[in-house]
Amino acid sequence: MASSLLARRALRNHARLRGHNDLNIVPMIDMMVILVFFLIFTAVFSKTNILELNLPAPNSSAPELPEGLQLEVIVRPDRLEVADKRTGILRTLPNTAEGYDLKTLSLFLRAVKTRFPTKTECSVLLDPEVSYDTLVQVMDTTRLFTIDDGQWTKYELFPQISVGDAPLTGAAAAGTPPPATAAPGARP
């Protein structure tokens, strides 16, 4: 009898709470829909260009280089230098009032391409003070040029680009350290 009394009490309690134990997930679904719309409309859509660079492995040795032109474009803070690795600087292009003289660089590289039409490799060597934006502009100028023939036709110059550090000049090349500056308030 006691067990039936307990069973009835349990049934009564379960019947009373039967409609109150459901989870209400409608507000959660509403929040998820709002978040999805917010993320879609605030996403930044940008055009990304990827340029494939063929860089050597850190532990690889230098391959045997064939005779001929080994073109380098050296980017310094105040000028551009076009050089052959074996013979030295071919042309120096000082900066203009607007910045680097990329138009003259393109014209000179076109002249080099007409003399060496099968050459596709070029090294772009950067000084440590040169910005990333400048690197991208010089690489684009070195890779191709466009001609306005009504459709802006693109022609390749040197599409296989290697990137590296520019050779040191002046006191840095001689191995002398730059003069040390004293800390403010320090006595000599």
N, C-alpha and C. Protein backbone atom coordinates (compact mmCIF):
# COMPACT_ATOMS: atom_id res chain seq x y z
N MET A 1 0.80 -1.17 0.00
CA MET A 1 0.00 0.00 0.00
C MET A 1 0.86 1.26 0.00
N ALA A 2 1.94 1.18 0.75
CA ALA A 2 2.82 2.34 0.80
C ALA A 2 3.47 2.59 -0.55
N SER A 3 3.74 1.49 -1.26
CA SER A 3 4.37 1.66 -2.57
C SER A 3 3.38 2.26 -3.57
N SER A 4 2.09 1.93 -3.46
CA SER A 4 1.13 2.52 -4.38
C SER A 4 0.90 3.99 -4.07
N LEU A 5 1.00 4.37 -2.79
CA LEU A 5 0.86 5.76 -2.41
C LEU A 5 2.02 6.58 -2.98
N LEU A 6 3.20 6.02 -2.89
CA LEU A 6 4.37 6.69 -3.44
C LEU A 6 4.30 6.79 -4.96
N ALA A 7 3.77 5.75 -5.60
CA ALA A 7 3.66 5.74 -7.04
C ALA A 7 2.66 6.80 -7.50
N ARG A 8 1.53 6.94 -6.80
CA ARG A 8 0.56 7.95 -7.17
C ARG A 8 1.11 9.36 -6.99
N ARG A 9 1.84 9.56 -5.88
CA ARG A 9 2.43 10.86 -5.64
C ARG A 9 3.44 11.23 -6.73
N ALA A 10 4.24 10.28 -7.15
CA ALA A 10 5.22 10.52 -8.21
C ALA A 10 4.53 10.84 -9.53
N LEU A 11 3.45 10.11 -9.86
CA LEU A 11 2.72 10.38 -11.08
C LEU A 11 2.10 11.78 -11.06
N ARG A 12 1.58 12.16 -9.89
CA ARG A 12 0.97 13.46 -9.77
C ARG A 12 2.02 14.58 -9.96
N ASN A 13 3.18 14.40 -9.35
CA ASN A 13 4.24 15.42 -9.49
C ASN A 13 4.74 15.49 -10.94
N HIS A 14 4.87 14.36 -11.58
CA HIS A 14 5.31 14.35 -12.97
C HIS A 14 4.26 14.98 -13.88
N ALA A 15 3.00 14.74 -13.60
CA ALA A 15 1.94 15.31 -14.43
C ALA A 15 1.90 16.83 -14.27
N ARG A 16 2.15 17.32 -13.06
CA ARG A 16 2.12 18.75 -12.82
C ARG A 16 3.30 19.46 -13.54
N LEU A 17 4.45 18.83 -13.61
CA LEU A 17 5.64 19.43 -14.21
C LEU A 17 5.87 19.03 -15.67
N ARG A 18 4.93 18.30 -16.24
CA ARG A 18 5.13 17.77 -17.59
C ARG A 18 5.35 18.88 -18.63
N GLY A 19 4.65 19.95 -18.65
CA GLY A 19 4.78 20.99 -19.65
C GLY A 19 5.86 22.01 -19.34
N HIS A 20 6.46 21.95 -18.15
CA HIS A 20 7.43 22.96 -17.74
C HIS A 20 8.88 22.55 -17.96
N ASN A 21 9.17 21.39 -18.41
CA ASN A 21 10.54 20.92 -18.56
C ASN A 21 11.07 21.07 -19.99
N ASP A 22 10.32 21.63 -20.92
CA ASP A 22 10.77 21.78 -22.30
C ASP A 22 11.78 22.93 -22.39
N LEU A 23 12.80 22.75 -23.22
CA LEU A 23 13.77 23.81 -23.47
C LEU A 23 13.23 24.73 -24.55
N ASN A 24 13.35 26.01 -24.32
CA ASN A 24 12.90 26.99 -25.30
C ASN A 24 14.13 27.48 -26.07
N ILE A 25 14.34 26.97 -27.29
CA ILE A 25 15.54 27.33 -28.06
C ILE A 25 15.25 28.41 -29.10
N VAL A 26 14.06 28.94 -29.16
CA VAL A 26 13.70 29.97 -30.13
C VAL A 26 14.56 31.23 -29.93
N PRO A 27 14.76 31.73 -28.71
CA PRO A 27 15.62 32.92 -28.56
C PRO A 27 17.07 32.66 -29.02
N MET A 28 17.56 31.46 -28.78
CA MET A 28 18.91 31.13 -29.21
C MET A 28 19.00 31.11 -30.74
N ILE A 29 18.00 30.58 -31.41
CA ILE A 29 17.99 30.57 -32.88
C ILE A 29 17.88 31.99 -33.41
N ASP A 30 17.09 32.84 -32.77
CA ASP A 30 16.99 34.24 -33.18
C ASP A 30 18.35 34.94 -33.08
N MET A 31 19.06 34.71 -32.00
CA MET A 31 20.38 35.32 -31.84
C MET A 31 21.36 34.82 -32.90
N MET A 32 21.32 33.54 -33.22
CA MET A 32 22.22 32.99 -34.23
C MET A 32 21.94 33.61 -35.61
N VAL A 33 20.67 33.79 -35.95
CA VAL A 33 20.32 34.40 -37.24
C VAL A 33 20.82 35.84 -37.29
N ILE A 34 20.66 36.58 -36.20
CA ILE A 34 21.15 37.96 -36.16
C ILE A 34 22.66 38.00 -36.28
N LEU A 35 23.35 37.10 -35.60
CA LEU A 35 24.82 37.06 -35.69
C LEU A 35 25.30 36.73 -37.09
N VAL A 36 24.64 35.81 -37.75
CA VAL A 36 25.03 35.45 -39.11
C VAL A 36 24.89 36.65 -40.04
N PHE A 37 23.76 37.35 -39.98
CA PHE A 37 23.58 38.54 -40.81
C PHE A 37 24.61 39.61 -40.47
N PHE A 38 24.88 39.82 -39.20
CA PHE A 38 25.87 40.81 -38.78
C PHE A 38 27.25 40.46 -39.33
N LEU A 39 27.66 39.22 -39.22
CA LEU A 39 28.98 38.81 -39.70
C LEU A 39 29.09 38.89 -41.22
N ILE A 40 28.01 38.57 -41.91
CA ILE A 40 28.05 38.64 -43.38
C ILE A 40 28.16 40.09 -43.84
N PHE A 41 27.40 40.98 -43.24
CA PHE A 41 27.39 42.37 -43.70
C PHE A 41 28.59 43.17 -43.24
N THR A 42 29.27 42.73 -42.20
CA THR A 42 30.46 43.46 -41.74
C THR A 42 31.75 42.82 -42.22
N ALA A 43 31.67 41.74 -42.96
CA ALA A 43 32.88 41.10 -43.47
C ALA A 43 33.54 42.00 -44.50
N VAL A 44 34.86 41.97 -44.51
CA VAL A 44 35.62 42.77 -45.45
C VAL A 44 35.92 41.91 -46.66
N PHE A 45 35.44 42.35 -47.81
CA PHE A 45 35.70 41.62 -49.03
C PHE A 45 36.82 42.34 -49.76
N SER A 46 37.94 41.67 -49.94
CA SER A 46 39.08 42.30 -50.60
C SER A 46 39.63 41.35 -51.65
N LYS A 47 40.25 41.96 -52.63
CA LYS A 47 40.86 41.19 -53.70
C LYS A 47 42.29 40.87 -53.29
N THR A 48 42.63 39.61 -53.25
CA THR A 48 43.95 39.20 -52.83
C THR A 48 44.67 38.57 -54.02
N ASN A 49 45.85 39.10 -54.30
CA ASN A 49 46.68 38.53 -55.35
C ASN A 49 47.78 37.73 -54.70
N ILE A 50 48.05 36.57 -55.24
CA ILE A 50 49.11 35.72 -54.72
C ILE A 50 50.17 35.59 -55.78
N LEU A 51 51.39 35.88 -55.39
CA LEU A 51 52.53 35.79 -56.29
C LEU A 51 53.41 34.65 -55.78
N GLU A 52 53.64 33.67 -56.60
CA GLU A 52 54.42 32.52 -56.19
C GLU A 52 55.91 32.81 -56.36
N LEU A 53 56.63 32.72 -55.24
CA LEU A 53 58.07 32.92 -55.26
C LEU A 53 58.76 31.58 -55.06
N ASN A 54 59.78 31.34 -55.83
CA ASN A 54 60.56 30.11 -55.70
C ASN A 54 61.80 30.43 -54.88
N LEU A 55 61.71 30.20 -53.57
CA LEU A 55 62.83 30.48 -52.68
C LEU A 55 63.57 29.19 -52.38
N PRO A 56 64.91 29.25 -52.31
CA PRO A 56 65.67 28.04 -52.00
C PRO A 56 65.51 27.66 -50.54
N ALA A 57 65.75 26.39 -50.25
CA ALA A 57 65.71 25.91 -48.87
C ALA A 57 66.89 26.50 -48.11
N PRO A 58 66.77 26.67 -46.79
CA PRO A 58 67.85 27.30 -46.03
C PRO A 58 69.17 26.53 -46.06
N ASN A 59 69.11 25.22 -46.18
CA ASN A 59 70.33 24.43 -46.15
C ASN A 59 70.80 23.99 -47.54
N SER A 60 70.23 24.53 -48.59
CA SER A 60 70.61 24.12 -49.94
C SER A 60 71.83 24.91 -50.40
N SER A 61 72.62 24.30 -51.25
CA SER A 61 73.79 24.99 -51.79
C SER A 61 73.39 25.73 -53.06
N ALA A 62 74.22 26.70 -53.43
CA ALA A 62 73.93 27.48 -54.63
C ALA A 62 74.15 26.63 -55.87
N PRO A 63 73.20 26.63 -56.81
CA PRO A 63 73.38 25.83 -58.01
C PRO A 63 74.42 26.46 -58.93
N GLU A 64 74.95 25.68 -59.83
CA GLU A 64 75.90 26.19 -60.81
C GLU A 64 75.15 27.09 -61.78
N LEU A 65 75.57 28.34 -61.87
CA LEU A 65 74.86 29.31 -62.69
C LEU A 65 75.44 29.34 -64.09
N PRO A 66 74.57 29.41 -65.11
CA PRO A 66 75.06 29.49 -66.47
C PRO A 66 75.59 30.88 -66.78
N GLU A 67 76.38 30.95 -67.84
CA GLU A 67 76.89 32.25 -68.29
C GLU A 67 75.74 33.08 -68.84
N GLY A 68 75.87 34.36 -68.74
CA GLY A 68 74.83 35.25 -69.25
C GLY A 68 74.44 36.25 -68.20
N LEU A 69 73.35 36.92 -68.45
CA LEU A 69 72.88 37.97 -67.56
C LEU A 69 72.29 37.38 -66.28
N GLN A 70 72.67 37.94 -65.15
CA GLN A 70 72.08 37.61 -63.86
C GLN A 70 71.53 38.93 -63.31
N LEU A 71 70.31 39.24 -63.69
CA LEU A 71 69.71 40.55 -63.43
C LEU A 71 69.34 40.72 -61.97
N GLU A 72 69.68 41.89 -61.42
CA GLU A 72 69.33 42.25 -60.05
C GLU A 72 68.76 43.67 -60.06
N VAL A 73 67.70 43.87 -59.31
CA VAL A 73 67.17 45.22 -59.08
C VAL A 73 67.37 45.47 -57.59
N ILE A 74 68.24 46.42 -57.27
CA ILE A 74 68.58 46.73 -55.88
C ILE A 74 67.80 47.99 -55.49
N VAL A 75 67.02 47.88 -54.43
CA VAL A 75 66.17 48.98 -53.98
C VAL A 75 66.81 49.60 -52.73
N ARG A 76 67.28 50.82 -52.87
CA ARG A 76 67.87 51.58 -51.78
C ARG A 76 66.86 52.67 -51.37
N PRO A 77 67.01 53.28 -50.20
CA PRO A 77 66.06 54.33 -49.81
C PRO A 77 66.04 55.54 -50.73
N ASP A 78 67.15 55.82 -51.42
CA ASP A 78 67.22 57.02 -52.25
C ASP A 78 67.33 56.74 -53.74
N ARG A 79 67.38 55.47 -54.14
CA ARG A 79 67.56 55.17 -55.56
C ARG A 79 67.23 53.70 -55.85
N LEU A 80 67.11 53.41 -57.15
CA LEU A 80 67.01 52.05 -57.66
C LEU A 80 68.27 51.77 -58.47
N GLU A 81 68.81 50.57 -58.35
CA GLU A 81 69.97 50.19 -59.12
C GLU A 81 69.65 48.92 -59.88
N VAL A 82 69.88 48.92 -61.18
CA VAL A 82 69.73 47.71 -61.99
C VAL A 82 71.14 47.22 -62.25
N ALA A 83 71.40 45.95 -61.92
CA ALA A 83 72.76 45.45 -62.00
C ALA A 83 72.78 44.04 -62.56
N ASP A 84 73.95 43.68 -63.07
CA ASP A 84 74.26 42.31 -63.43
C ASP A 84 75.15 41.79 -62.32
N LYS A 85 74.87 40.61 -61.81
CA LYS A 85 75.60 40.10 -60.66
C LYS A 85 77.09 39.97 -60.95
N ARG A 86 77.44 39.65 -62.17
CA ARG A 86 78.85 39.45 -62.52
C ARG A 86 79.56 40.74 -62.87
N THR A 87 78.90 41.66 -63.58
CA THR A 87 79.60 42.83 -64.09
C THR A 87 79.37 44.09 -63.27
N GLY A 88 78.34 44.15 -62.45
CA GLY A 88 78.11 45.33 -61.63
C GLY A 88 76.88 46.11 -62.06
N ILE A 89 76.83 47.35 -61.63
CA ILE A 89 75.65 48.19 -61.85
C ILE A 89 75.55 48.59 -63.31
N LEU A 90 74.38 48.35 -63.90
CA LEU A 90 74.11 48.74 -65.28
C LEU A 90 73.52 50.14 -65.36
N ARG A 91 72.64 50.47 -64.40
CA ARG A 91 71.99 51.78 -64.42
C ARG A 91 71.52 52.12 -63.02
N THR A 92 71.67 53.38 -62.64
CA THR A 92 71.20 53.89 -61.36
C THR A 92 70.08 54.88 -61.63
N LEU A 93 68.96 54.69 -60.94
CA LEU A 93 67.79 55.56 -61.11
C LEU A 93 67.50 56.28 -59.79
N PRO A 94 67.92 57.55 -59.67
CA PRO A 94 67.64 58.28 -58.42
C PRO A 94 66.15 58.53 -58.26
N ASN A 95 65.72 58.71 -57.02
CA ASN A 95 64.31 58.98 -56.74
C ASN A 95 63.90 60.32 -57.32
N THR A 96 62.65 60.39 -57.72
CA THR A 96 62.07 61.65 -58.20
C THR A 96 61.32 62.30 -57.04
N ALA A 97 60.67 63.41 -57.31
CA ALA A 97 59.89 64.09 -56.26
C ALA A 97 58.71 63.23 -55.80
N GLU A 98 58.19 62.35 -56.68
CA GLU A 98 57.07 61.49 -56.34
C GLU A 98 57.51 60.21 -55.64
N GLY A 99 58.79 59.89 -55.66
CA GLY A 99 59.28 58.65 -55.06
C GLY A 99 60.16 57.90 -56.04
N TYR A 100 60.08 56.59 -56.02
CA TYR A 100 60.91 55.77 -56.89
C TYR A 100 60.48 55.95 -58.35
N ASP A 101 61.45 55.95 -59.25
CA ASP A 101 61.21 56.17 -60.68
C ASP A 101 60.90 54.83 -61.35
N LEU A 102 59.68 54.35 -61.15
CA LEU A 102 59.29 53.04 -61.65
C LEU A 102 59.05 53.06 -63.16
N LYS A 103 58.68 54.21 -63.73
CA LYS A 103 58.47 54.29 -65.18
C LYS A 103 59.78 54.10 -65.92
N THR A 104 60.84 54.77 -65.46
CA THR A 104 62.14 54.61 -66.10
C THR A 104 62.67 53.21 -65.88
N LEU A 105 62.41 52.63 -64.70
CA LEU A 105 62.81 51.24 -64.45
C LEU A 105 62.14 50.30 -65.44
N SER A 106 60.85 50.50 -65.68
CA SER A 106 60.13 49.65 -66.63
C SER A 106 60.70 49.80 -68.04
N LEU A 107 60.98 51.04 -68.45
CA LEU A 107 61.56 51.25 -69.79
C LEU A 107 62.92 50.59 -69.92
N PHE A 108 63.76 50.70 -68.89
CA PHE A 108 65.09 50.08 -68.95
C PHE A 108 64.98 48.56 -68.97
N LEU A 109 64.06 48.00 -68.16
CA LEU A 109 63.90 46.54 -68.15
C LEU A 109 63.35 46.03 -69.48
N ARG A 110 62.53 46.84 -70.16
CA ARG A 110 62.07 46.45 -71.50
C ARG A 110 63.25 46.37 -72.46
N ALA A 111 64.18 47.33 -72.35
CA ALA A 111 65.37 47.31 -73.21
C ALA A 111 66.23 46.09 -72.92
N VAL A 112 66.35 45.74 -71.64
CA VAL A 112 67.12 44.53 -71.27
C VAL A 112 66.42 43.29 -71.81
N LYS A 113 65.09 43.27 -71.74
CA LYS A 113 64.34 42.10 -72.23
C LYS A 113 64.49 41.94 -73.74
N THR A 114 64.57 43.03 -74.49
CA THR A 114 64.76 42.91 -75.94
C THR A 114 66.14 42.34 -76.26
N ARG A 115 67.12 42.62 -75.39
CA ARG A 115 68.47 42.09 -75.61
C ARG A 115 68.59 40.64 -75.15
N PHE A 116 67.86 40.27 -74.10
CA PHE A 116 67.86 38.90 -73.57
C PHE A 116 66.42 38.39 -73.53
N PRO A 117 65.83 38.02 -74.67
CA PRO A 117 64.40 37.67 -74.70
C PRO A 117 64.05 36.37 -73.97
N THR A 118 65.00 35.46 -73.79
CA THR A 118 64.68 34.20 -73.12
C THR A 118 64.89 34.27 -71.61
N LYS A 119 65.44 35.34 -71.12
CA LYS A 119 65.71 35.51 -69.69
C LYS A 119 64.40 35.78 -68.96
N THR A 120 64.11 34.99 -67.90
CA THR A 120 62.88 35.19 -67.13
C THR A 120 63.14 35.41 -65.64
N GLU A 121 64.40 35.28 -65.21
CA GLU A 121 64.70 35.40 -63.79
C GLU A 121 65.24 36.78 -63.45
N CYS A 122 64.89 37.24 -62.25
CA CYS A 122 65.38 38.52 -61.75
C CYS A 122 65.38 38.46 -60.23
N SER A 123 66.38 39.08 -59.61
CA SER A 123 66.44 39.17 -58.15
C SER A 123 66.13 40.60 -57.74
N VAL A 124 65.25 40.75 -56.77
CA VAL A 124 64.95 42.06 -56.19
C VAL A 124 65.59 42.06 -54.80
N LEU A 125 66.57 42.95 -54.62
CA LEU A 125 67.32 43.02 -53.37
C LEU A 125 66.95 44.30 -52.64
N LEU A 126 66.59 44.19 -51.36
CA LEU A 126 66.06 45.32 -50.60
C LEU A 126 67.00 45.77 -49.51
N ASP A 127 67.07 47.07 -49.34
CA ASP A 127 67.74 47.67 -48.19
C ASP A 127 66.80 47.49 -47.00
N PRO A 128 67.31 47.40 -45.76
CA PRO A 128 66.42 47.19 -44.61
C PRO A 128 65.41 48.31 -44.38
N GLU A 129 65.68 49.53 -44.85
CA GLU A 129 64.76 50.65 -44.61
C GLU A 129 63.63 50.73 -45.64
N VAL A 130 63.60 49.87 -46.62
CA VAL A 130 62.61 49.94 -47.69
C VAL A 130 61.31 49.29 -47.22
N SER A 131 60.18 49.94 -47.52
CA SER A 131 58.88 49.44 -47.07
C SER A 131 58.38 48.27 -47.93
N TYR A 132 57.43 47.55 -47.38
CA TYR A 132 56.83 46.41 -48.08
C TYR A 132 56.07 46.88 -49.33
N ASP A 133 55.39 48.01 -49.23
CA ASP A 133 54.65 48.54 -50.37
C ASP A 133 55.59 48.82 -51.54
N THR A 134 56.77 49.33 -51.25
CA THR A 134 57.76 49.59 -52.30
C THR A 134 58.20 48.27 -52.93
N LEU A 135 58.40 47.24 -52.11
CA LEU A 135 58.77 45.92 -52.64
C LEU A 135 57.74 45.42 -53.63
N VAL A 136 56.46 45.54 -53.28
CA VAL A 136 55.39 45.06 -54.16
C VAL A 136 55.36 45.85 -55.46
N GLN A 137 55.54 47.17 -55.39
CA GLN A 137 55.54 47.99 -56.59
C GLN A 137 56.71 47.64 -57.51
N VAL A 138 57.90 47.44 -56.93
CA VAL A 138 59.07 47.09 -57.75
C VAL A 138 58.90 45.70 -58.35
N MET A 139 58.34 44.76 -57.59
CA MET A 139 58.11 43.41 -58.13
C MET A 139 57.11 43.45 -59.28
N ASP A 140 56.04 44.23 -59.14
CA ASP A 140 55.07 44.35 -60.22
C ASP A 140 55.69 44.97 -61.46
N THR A 141 56.53 45.99 -61.27
CA THR A 141 57.20 46.63 -62.40
C THR A 141 58.17 45.67 -63.07
N THR A 142 58.82 44.82 -62.29
CA THR A 142 59.80 43.87 -62.82
C THR A 142 59.11 42.71 -63.54
N ARG A 143 57.95 42.30 -63.06
CA ARG A 143 57.26 41.15 -63.64
C ARG A 143 56.67 41.42 -65.01
N LEU A 144 55.97 42.56 -65.16
CA LEU A 144 55.26 42.80 -66.42
C LEU A 144 55.06 44.28 -66.65
N PHE A 145 54.65 44.61 -67.87
CA PHE A 145 54.27 45.98 -68.19
C PHE A 145 53.02 45.93 -69.05
N THR A 146 52.28 47.03 -69.04
CA THR A 146 51.04 47.11 -69.81
C THR A 146 51.15 48.19 -70.87
N ILE A 147 50.47 47.95 -71.97
CA ILE A 147 50.42 48.92 -73.07
C ILE A 147 48.95 49.22 -73.34
N ASP A 148 48.65 50.52 -73.45
CA ASP A 148 47.27 50.94 -73.72
C ASP A 148 47.03 50.88 -75.22
N ASP A 149 46.53 49.73 -75.68
CA ASP A 149 46.17 49.58 -77.08
C ASP A 149 44.65 49.48 -77.23
N GLY A 150 43.95 50.11 -76.27
CA GLY A 150 42.50 50.05 -76.25
C GLY A 150 41.99 49.00 -75.29
N GLN A 151 42.85 48.01 -74.95
CA GLN A 151 42.44 46.93 -74.05
C GLN A 151 43.42 46.73 -72.90
N TRP A 152 44.46 47.53 -72.78
CA TRP A 152 45.49 47.41 -71.76
C TRP A 152 46.10 46.01 -71.77
N THR A 153 46.88 45.72 -72.78
CA THR A 153 47.52 44.43 -72.95
C THR A 153 48.74 44.33 -72.03
N LYS A 154 48.89 43.18 -71.36
CA LYS A 154 50.01 42.96 -70.45
C LYS A 154 51.06 42.10 -71.12
N TYR A 155 52.33 42.45 -70.91
CA TYR A 155 53.45 41.69 -71.45
C TYR A 155 54.41 41.35 -70.30
N GLU A 156 54.97 40.14 -70.35
CA GLU A 156 55.89 39.70 -69.31
C GLU A 156 57.28 40.26 -69.53
N LEU A 157 57.93 40.62 -68.43
CA LEU A 157 59.33 40.98 -68.48
C LEU A 157 60.15 39.87 -67.83
N PHE A 158 60.18 39.86 -66.50
CA PHE A 158 60.94 38.86 -65.75
C PHE A 158 60.04 38.29 -64.66
N PRO A 159 59.21 37.29 -64.97
CA PRO A 159 58.20 36.83 -64.01
C PRO A 159 58.74 35.99 -62.86
N GLN A 160 59.91 35.39 -63.00
CA GLN A 160 60.46 34.56 -61.93
C GLN A 160 61.35 35.42 -61.06
N ILE A 161 60.79 35.84 -59.91
CA ILE A 161 61.46 36.82 -59.06
C ILE A 161 61.94 36.15 -57.78
N SER A 162 63.18 36.46 -57.41
CA SER A 162 63.73 36.07 -56.12
C SER A 162 63.90 37.33 -55.29
N VAL A 163 63.70 37.22 -53.99
CA VAL A 163 63.80 38.37 -53.10
C VAL A 163 64.93 38.12 -52.12
N GLY A 164 65.72 39.18 -51.84
CA GLY A 164 66.83 39.04 -50.90
C GLY A 164 67.22 40.37 -50.32
N ASP A 165 68.29 40.35 -49.52
CA ASP A 165 68.82 41.56 -48.91
C ASP A 165 69.81 42.22 -49.85
N ALA A 166 69.78 43.54 -49.88
CA ALA A 166 70.71 44.30 -50.73
C ALA A 166 72.11 44.22 -50.13
N PRO A 167 73.12 44.25 -50.99
CA PRO A 167 74.48 44.27 -50.47
C PRO A 167 74.72 45.54 -49.67
N LEU A 168 75.55 45.43 -48.63
CA LEU A 168 75.83 46.57 -47.76
C LEU A 168 76.73 47.56 -48.48
N THR A 169 76.57 48.83 -48.12
CA THR A 169 77.40 49.89 -48.71
C THR A 169 77.99 50.73 -47.60
N GLY A 170 79.04 51.46 -47.89
CA GLY A 170 79.62 52.42 -46.96
C GLY A 170 80.23 51.77 -45.74
N ALA A 171 79.97 52.36 -44.55
CA ALA A 171 80.56 51.89 -43.30
C ALA A 171 80.08 50.49 -42.94
N ALA A 172 78.85 50.15 -43.31
CA ALA A 172 78.32 48.82 -43.00
C ALA A 172 79.07 47.75 -43.78
N ALA A 173 79.48 48.06 -45.02
CA ALA A 173 80.22 47.09 -45.82
C ALA A 173 81.65 46.93 -45.30
N ALA A 174 82.23 47.98 -44.72
CA ALA A 174 83.59 47.91 -44.21
C ALA A 174 83.66 47.18 -42.88
N GLY A 175 82.52 46.97 -42.25
CA GLY A 175 82.48 46.23 -41.00
C GLY A 175 82.63 47.11 -39.78
N THR A 176 82.67 48.42 -39.94
CA THR A 176 82.77 49.31 -38.79
C THR A 176 81.38 49.54 -38.23
N PRO A 177 81.26 49.47 -36.91
CA PRO A 177 79.94 49.70 -36.32
C PRO A 177 79.57 51.16 -36.39
N PRO A 178 78.29 51.46 -36.42
CA PRO A 178 77.85 52.86 -36.46
C PRO A 178 78.22 53.54 -35.15
N PRO A 179 78.44 54.85 -35.15
CA PRO A 179 78.81 55.54 -33.92
C PRO A 179 77.72 55.40 -32.87
N ALA A 180 78.14 55.13 -31.63
CA ALA A 180 77.19 54.94 -30.55
C ALA A 180 76.72 56.30 -30.05
N THR A 181 75.46 56.38 -29.72
CA THR A 181 74.93 57.61 -29.18
C THR A 181 74.76 57.44 -27.68
N ALA A 182 75.07 58.49 -26.94
CA ALA A 182 74.97 58.42 -25.48
C ALA A 182 73.52 58.53 -25.05
N ALA A 183 73.20 57.85 -23.98
CA ALA A 183 71.86 57.93 -23.43
C ALA A 183 71.63 59.32 -22.84
N PRO A 184 70.40 59.83 -22.89
CA PRO A 184 70.14 61.15 -22.33
C PRO A 184 70.48 61.17 -20.84
N GLY A 185 71.21 62.19 -20.44
CA GLY A 185 71.55 62.34 -19.03
C GLY A 185 72.81 61.59 -18.63
N ALA A 186 73.41 60.83 -19.54
CA ALA A 186 74.61 60.07 -19.20
C ALA A 186 75.84 60.95 -19.41
N ARG A 187 76.88 60.73 -18.59
CA ARG A 187 78.12 61.48 -18.72
C ARG A 187 79.11 60.67 -19.54
N PRO A 188 79.94 61.35 -20.35
CA PRO A 188 80.94 60.62 -21.14
C PRO A 188 82.07 60.10 -20.29
